[in-house]
Amino acid sequence: MTEKLPLPYHKMGLLEFQDRFPHNRDCYEYLKMLRFPTQFTCSRCGDGDSCWVATRGLWQCNQCRKQVSLTSGTMFHRTRTPLRYWFWALFLVSKDKRGHSALQLSKELNIPYDRSWLIMHKIRAAMAHRDREYTLQDSVEIDEAYFGSPDIGQRGRGIQRPKALVAVSLTAERKPKYVKMKIIKRLDARCIKSFAQSNICKGSVVYTDGLHAYRCLSKMGYVHIPTVLPGKTDDDVLHWVHIIISNTKAFIAGTFHGLDEKHLQQYLDEFCYRFNRRQHEQELFDHLLLACAEAPPLTYAELLRVS
């Protein structure tokens, strides 16, 4: 395969999208331009002489006769759903900043719910894969969050609801840049270390509350600034991470009306992906298409094994 060229992101409304992708072949041509912008090079013999078999949506090497599907190695791999349906799903998801439920997608595309559920989770997996390429740096706020309905008779960090670490990087003007979220089994130093190593650049200034488990950050190459406040206070501490946690809970409650723990991480990944590209909402379709083209395939069985 040849090296990909930067994708020219387009701003598209509904009418523009309908005009650009009226048929399945138009979707294949656009995906072909994205994956092979110059020419196809055979992975078996390395030859660049090939032909495009439009009726089957694949490349065939003229030297060794190897055939490679256009969707091979992408999130569309071996899909039985026409590519035009995938494009519509990506477009509808990109245009709804509140998030899109599988039930709503099923009604809009007139497809079975289990198929729309699989499409939505594959899109979320592509979002997560794309965001793994980026890390937070400079000034970072971290706090923990709890999702789900309140536990009767329990308060504070001892509750049994799903726990997540939330981190947001800030600009020099103390405005939010990017956000990361990760479901954790327990709130301890081991989970905090793993989260920080995967998502925060060394040398960053990290702001937290006074929880003892966060003290490990100062031993990992971060400048750790904890803030301990007695009881309720009007002081604005960890301002942006608290706003993001509040918005995430509204996102989950408003669109999905609550979620269980099994697939909660995928929905948090979707929120992070949308937030990190909030300045490019009109171009989000192309961003999502590129993410699905570069993400590895994901099967229904693999999704069911997610814990």
Protein backbone atom coordinates (compact mmCIF):
# COMPACT_ATOMS: atom_id res chain seq x y z
CA MET A 1 0.00 0.00 0.00
CA THR A 2 1.17 3.52 -0.73
CA GLU A 3 1.50 6.17 1.91
CA LYS A 4 -1.73 8.03 2.56
CA LEU A 5 -2.00 11.67 1.63
CA PRO A 6 -3.70 14.16 3.98
CA LEU A 7 -7.45 13.94 3.53
CA PRO A 8 -9.03 17.20 2.29
CA TYR A 9 -11.77 17.61 4.89
CA HIS A 10 -15.03 18.96 3.49
CA LYS A 11 -17.86 20.83 5.12
CA MET A 12 -21.06 19.08 4.09
CA GLY A 13 -24.72 19.62 4.76
CA LEU A 14 -27.49 17.15 3.99
CA LEU A 15 -28.01 18.22 0.37
CA GLU A 16 -24.28 18.21 -0.39
CA PHE A 17 -23.95 14.73 1.10
CA GLN A 18 -26.86 13.39 -0.99
CA ASP A 19 -25.34 14.86 -4.16
CA ARG A 20 -21.89 13.40 -3.49
CA PHE A 21 -22.94 9.86 -2.52
CA PRO A 22 -26.15 8.95 -4.35
CA HIS A 23 -25.01 5.37 -5.10
CA ASN A 24 -22.87 2.66 -3.57
CA ARG A 25 -20.23 3.04 -6.29
CA ASP A 26 -19.71 6.69 -5.32
CA CYS A 27 -18.89 5.56 -1.78
CA TYR A 28 -16.38 3.00 -3.10
CA GLU A 29 -14.70 5.63 -5.27
CA TYR A 30 -14.35 8.02 -2.35
CA LEU A 31 -12.97 5.31 -0.07
CA LYS A 32 -10.56 4.25 -2.83
CA MET A 33 -9.28 7.82 -3.09
CA LEU A 34 -8.80 7.87 0.67
CA ARG A 35 -6.94 4.55 0.99
CA PHE A 36 -4.95 4.63 -2.28
CA PRO A 37 -4.54 8.30 -3.29
CA THR A 38 -1.81 7.60 -5.87
CA GLN A 39 -1.72 3.88 -6.73
CA PHE A 40 -2.14 0.44 -5.26
CA THR A 41 1.06 -1.51 -4.50
CA CYS A 42 0.80 -5.24 -4.03
CA SER A 43 1.85 -6.43 -0.58
CA ARG A 44 2.87 -9.85 -1.94
CA CYS A 45 5.18 -8.98 -4.84
CA GLY A 46 5.59 -5.21 -4.37
CA ASP A 47 4.49 -4.47 -7.92
CA GLY A 48 2.55 -1.28 -8.63
CA ASP A 49 0.88 -2.52 -11.81
CA SER A 50 -2.70 -3.34 -10.90
CA CYS A 51 -6.30 -2.98 -12.03
CA TRP A 52 -9.46 -1.94 -10.20
CA VAL A 53 -12.35 -4.43 -10.35
CA ALA A 54 -15.24 -2.06 -9.77
CA THR A 55 -17.97 -4.74 -9.80
CA ARG A 56 -16.38 -6.47 -6.79
CA GLY A 57 -14.78 -3.48 -5.07
CA LEU A 58 -11.21 -4.82 -5.08
CA TRP A 59 -7.72 -4.36 -6.52
CA GLN A 60 -6.03 -7.10 -8.53
CA CYS A 61 -2.26 -7.22 -9.05
CA ASN A 62 -1.42 -7.78 -12.72
CA GLN A 63 1.86 -9.49 -11.79
CA CYS A 64 0.91 -12.14 -9.17
CA ARG A 65 -2.90 -11.87 -9.55
CA LYS A 66 -3.44 -11.27 -5.84
CA GLN A 67 -6.76 -9.62 -5.05
CA VAL A 68 -7.24 -7.18 -2.17
CA SER A 69 -10.65 -5.90 -1.11
CA LEU A 70 -10.98 -2.16 -0.70
CA THR A 71 -12.43 -2.68 2.78
CA SER A 72 -9.78 -5.19 3.87
CA GLY A 73 -8.08 -4.18 7.12
CA THR A 74 -10.62 -1.45 7.88
CA MET A 75 -13.64 -1.21 10.15
CA PHE A 76 -15.76 -2.11 7.06
CA HIS A 77 -13.96 -5.46 6.64
CA ARG A 78 -16.33 -8.26 5.49
CA THR A 79 -19.39 -6.16 6.19
CA ARG A 80 -22.65 -7.31 4.62
CA THR A 81 -24.10 -3.85 4.93
CA PRO A 82 -23.82 -1.76 1.73
CA LEU A 83 -21.14 0.91 2.00
CA ARG A 84 -23.73 3.60 1.31
CA TYR A 85 -25.49 2.66 4.56
CA TRP A 86 -22.18 3.01 6.38
CA PHE A 87 -21.63 6.44 4.87
CA TRP A 88 -25.12 7.53 5.95
CA ALA A 89 -24.49 6.22 9.46
CA LEU A 90 -21.22 8.17 9.66
CA PHE A 91 -22.94 11.30 8.37
CA LEU A 92 -25.84 11.07 10.82
CA VAL A 93 -23.47 10.44 13.73
CA SER A 94 -21.28 13.36 12.69
CA LYS A 95 -24.21 15.77 12.54
CA ASP A 96 -25.68 14.96 15.95
CA LYS A 97 -23.47 16.47 18.64
CA ARG A 98 -25.68 14.94 21.38
CA GLY A 99 -24.69 11.46 20.28
CA HIS A 100 -26.66 8.98 18.19
CA SER A 101 -28.34 5.88 19.59
CA ALA A 102 -28.50 2.56 17.76
CA LEU A 103 -32.31 2.61 18.03
CA GLN A 104 -32.50 5.97 16.29
CA LEU A 105 -30.11 4.82 13.56
CA SER A 106 -32.18 1.67 13.05
CA LYS A 107 -35.28 3.78 12.43
CA GLU A 108 -33.52 6.26 10.13
CA LEU A 109 -31.86 3.64 7.88
CA ASN A 110 -34.66 1.07 8.21
CA ILE A 111 -32.28 -1.70 9.24
CA PRO A 112 -32.52 -4.25 12.09
CA TYR A 113 -31.52 -3.02 15.53
CA ASP A 114 -28.72 -5.57 15.94
CA ARG A 115 -27.10 -4.31 12.74
CA SER A 116 -27.36 -0.65 13.76
CA TRP A 117 -25.98 -1.56 17.21
CA LEU A 118 -22.96 -3.22 15.60
CA ILE A 119 -22.39 -0.26 13.27
CA MET A 120 -22.51 2.23 16.13
CA HIS A 121 -20.07 0.25 18.27
CA LYS A 122 -17.68 -0.17 15.36
CA ILE A 123 -17.75 3.58 14.83
CA ARG A 124 -17.04 4.14 18.53
CA ALA A 125 -14.16 1.66 18.37
CA ALA A 126 -12.71 3.63 15.44
CA MET A 127 -13.06 6.83 17.46
CA ALA A 128 -11.14 5.27 20.36
CA HIS A 129 -8.42 3.91 18.05
CA ARG A 130 -7.93 7.35 16.51
CA ASP A 131 -7.72 9.13 19.87
CA ARG A 132 -5.05 6.74 21.17
CA GLU A 133 -2.58 8.51 18.90
CA TYR A 134 -2.76 11.67 21.02
CA THR A 135 -1.61 12.41 24.55
CA LEU A 136 -2.29 15.29 26.93
CA GLN A 137 0.49 17.71 27.78
CA ASP A 138 1.40 21.01 29.49
CA SER A 139 -1.27 21.73 32.17
CA VAL A 140 -3.63 18.85 32.96
CA GLU A 141 -6.51 18.52 35.43
CA ILE A 142 -7.43 15.03 36.69
CA ASP A 143 -10.38 13.88 38.76
CA GLU A 144 -12.47 10.76 39.19
CA ALA A 145 -16.10 10.38 38.17
CA TYR A 146 -18.88 7.91 38.97
CA PHE A 147 -21.55 6.96 36.45
CA GLY A 148 -24.94 5.34 36.91
CA SER A 149 -27.79 5.71 39.38
CA PRO A 150 -26.93 6.55 43.03
CA ASP A 151 -26.32 3.68 45.43
CA ILE A 152 -28.87 3.65 48.26
CA GLY A 153 -27.27 4.37 51.60
CA GLN A 154 -23.78 5.01 50.15
CA ARG A 155 -21.95 8.23 49.45
CA GLY A 156 -18.50 9.35 48.36
CA ARG A 157 -15.70 7.21 46.92
CA GLY A 158 -17.01 3.98 48.49
CA ILE A 159 -19.98 3.66 46.13
CA GLN A 160 -20.21 0.70 43.74
CA ARG A 161 -21.04 2.59 40.54
CA PRO A 162 -18.56 2.38 37.60
CA LYS A 163 -15.53 4.60 38.23
CA ALA A 164 -13.58 6.55 35.62
CA LEU A 165 -10.53 8.78 35.60
CA VAL A 166 -11.05 12.00 33.64
CA ALA A 167 -8.23 14.26 32.47
CA VAL A 168 -8.33 17.49 30.46
CA SER A 169 -5.40 19.46 29.11
CA LEU A 170 -5.51 23.26 29.26
CA THR A 171 -4.15 26.06 27.09
CA ALA A 172 -1.99 28.88 28.40
CA GLU A 173 -5.24 30.86 28.83
CA ARG A 174 -6.66 28.05 31.00
CA LYS A 175 -9.13 26.92 28.35
CA PRO A 176 -9.78 23.20 27.66
CA LYS A 177 -7.98 21.52 24.76
CA TYR A 178 -8.35 17.74 24.83
CA VAL A 179 -9.92 15.21 27.16
CA LYS A 180 -9.27 11.55 28.04
CA MET A 181 -11.43 9.14 30.06
CA LYS A 182 -10.80 5.61 31.30
CA ILE A 183 -12.98 3.19 33.27
CA ILE A 184 -11.06 1.74 36.24
CA LYS A 185 -11.75 -1.17 38.60
CA ARG A 186 -10.59 0.69 41.70
CA LEU A 187 -9.27 4.13 42.53
CA ASP A 188 -5.71 3.38 43.61
CA ALA A 189 -2.13 4.31 42.71
CA ARG A 190 -1.75 1.43 40.22
CA CYS A 191 -4.70 2.54 38.08
CA ILE A 192 -3.64 6.19 38.27
CA LYS A 193 -0.10 5.30 37.16
CA SER A 194 -1.38 3.25 34.22
CA PHE A 195 -3.75 6.03 33.13
CA ALA A 196 -1.08 8.74 33.38
CA GLN A 197 1.57 6.73 31.51
CA SER A 198 -0.81 6.05 28.63
CA ASN A 199 -2.40 9.48 28.31
CA ILE A 200 -0.18 12.26 29.75
CA CYS A 201 3.24 13.40 28.55
CA LYS A 202 6.04 13.36 31.11
CA GLY A 203 6.91 16.79 32.48
CA SER A 204 3.30 18.02 32.41
CA VAL A 205 1.88 19.97 35.33
CA VAL A 206 -0.93 17.86 36.80
CA TYR A 207 -3.60 19.34 39.07
CA THR A 208 -5.64 17.03 41.32
CA ASP A 209 -7.56 17.07 44.57
CA GLY A 210 -5.95 15.88 47.80
CA LEU A 211 -6.60 12.14 47.40
CA HIS A 212 -3.55 10.24 48.66
CA ALA A 213 -3.45 7.92 45.61
CA TYR A 214 -2.57 10.84 43.32
CA ARG A 215 0.75 11.39 45.12
CA CYS A 216 2.36 8.75 42.91
CA LEU A 217 2.32 11.27 40.04
CA SER A 218 5.18 13.28 41.52
CA LYS A 219 7.39 10.16 41.33
CA MET A 220 6.62 9.55 37.65
CA GLY A 221 8.10 12.67 36.10
CA TYR A 222 5.08 14.95 36.49
CA VAL A 223 4.81 18.22 38.37
CA HIS A 224 1.98 17.33 40.75
CA ILE A 225 -0.03 20.13 42.34
CA PRO A 226 -2.69 18.76 44.73
CA THR A 227 -5.31 21.00 46.30
CA VAL A 228 -6.90 20.04 49.63
CA LEU A 229 -10.11 21.85 50.55
CA PRO A 230 -12.04 21.23 53.77
CA GLY A 231 -15.68 20.34 53.10
CA LYS A 232 -17.87 22.40 50.80
CA THR A 233 -16.32 25.55 49.39
CA ASP A 234 -16.96 28.17 46.75
CA ASP A 235 -13.37 27.99 45.49
CA ASP A 236 -13.20 27.08 41.80
CA VAL A 237 -10.83 24.09 41.91
CA LEU A 238 -10.45 21.70 38.92
CA HIS A 239 -12.98 23.86 37.11
CA TRP A 240 -12.84 22.38 33.62
CA VAL A 241 -12.63 18.71 34.52
CA HIS A 242 -15.74 19.11 36.69
CA ILE A 243 -17.60 20.76 33.81
CA ILE A 244 -16.60 17.95 31.46
CA ILE A 245 -17.74 15.30 33.93
CA SER A 246 -21.09 17.07 34.24
CA ASN A 247 -21.45 17.30 30.44
CA THR A 248 -20.58 13.61 30.06
CA LYS A 249 -23.33 12.59 32.49
CA ALA A 250 -25.80 14.79 30.60
CA PHE A 251 -24.64 13.21 27.31
CA ILE A 252 -25.26 9.69 28.65
CA ALA A 253 -28.56 10.47 30.36
CA GLY A 254 -30.00 12.63 27.59
CA THR A 255 -29.23 10.39 24.59
CA PHE A 256 -28.90 6.87 25.97
CA HIS A 257 -30.96 7.19 29.18
CA GLY A 258 -28.37 5.42 31.28
CA LEU A 259 -25.81 2.71 30.47
CA ASP A 260 -24.51 -0.43 32.10
CA GLU A 261 -20.84 -0.92 32.82
CA LYS A 262 -20.06 -3.43 30.07
CA HIS A 263 -19.94 -0.97 27.16
CA LEU A 264 -19.63 2.27 29.11
CA GLN A 265 -16.03 2.82 27.97
CA GLN A 266 -17.10 2.97 24.32
CA TYR A 267 -19.60 5.73 25.06
CA LEU A 268 -16.97 7.68 27.00
CA ASP A 269 -14.66 7.27 23.99
CA GLU A 270 -17.35 8.78 21.79
CA PHE A 271 -17.77 11.77 24.09
CA CYS A 272 -14.00 12.37 24.13
CA TYR A 273 -13.74 12.09 20.35
CA ARG A 274 -16.53 14.61 19.83
CA PHE A 275 -15.15 17.00 22.43
CA ASN A 276 -11.63 16.86 20.99
CA ARG A 277 -12.98 17.83 17.56
CA ARG A 278 -15.58 20.35 18.68
CA GLN A 279 -13.98 23.01 16.47
CA HIS A 280 -14.46 20.84 13.36
CA GLU A 281 -18.09 19.74 13.60
CA GLN A 282 -18.84 20.58 9.95
CA GLU A 283 -15.95 18.35 8.81
CA LEU A 284 -16.61 15.48 11.21
CA PHE A 285 -17.86 13.09 8.51
CA ASP A 286 -14.46 13.00 6.82
CA HIS A 287 -12.75 12.67 10.21
CA LEU A 288 -14.94 9.66 11.05
CA LEU A 289 -14.47 8.06 7.64
CA LEU A 290 -10.70 8.33 7.99
CA ALA A 291 -10.88 6.85 11.49
CA CYS A 292 -12.91 3.86 10.23
CA ALA A 293 -10.54 3.35 7.28
CA GLU A 294 -7.49 3.22 9.56
CA ALA A 295 -8.94 1.28 12.50
CA PRO A 296 -8.48 -2.52 12.58
CA PRO A 297 -11.51 -4.77 11.96
CA LEU A 298 -13.82 -5.58 14.87
CA THR A 299 -16.24 -8.50 14.93
CA TYR A 300 -19.56 -8.93 16.71
CA ALA A 301 -18.08 -11.72 18.83
CA GLU A 302 -15.23 -9.47 19.95
CA LEU A 303 -17.70 -6.79 20.98
CA LEU A 304 -19.67 -9.25 23.08
CA ARG A 305 -16.48 -10.25 24.90
CA VAL A 306 -15.84 -6.66 26.00
CA SER A 307 -15.93 -6.46 29.81
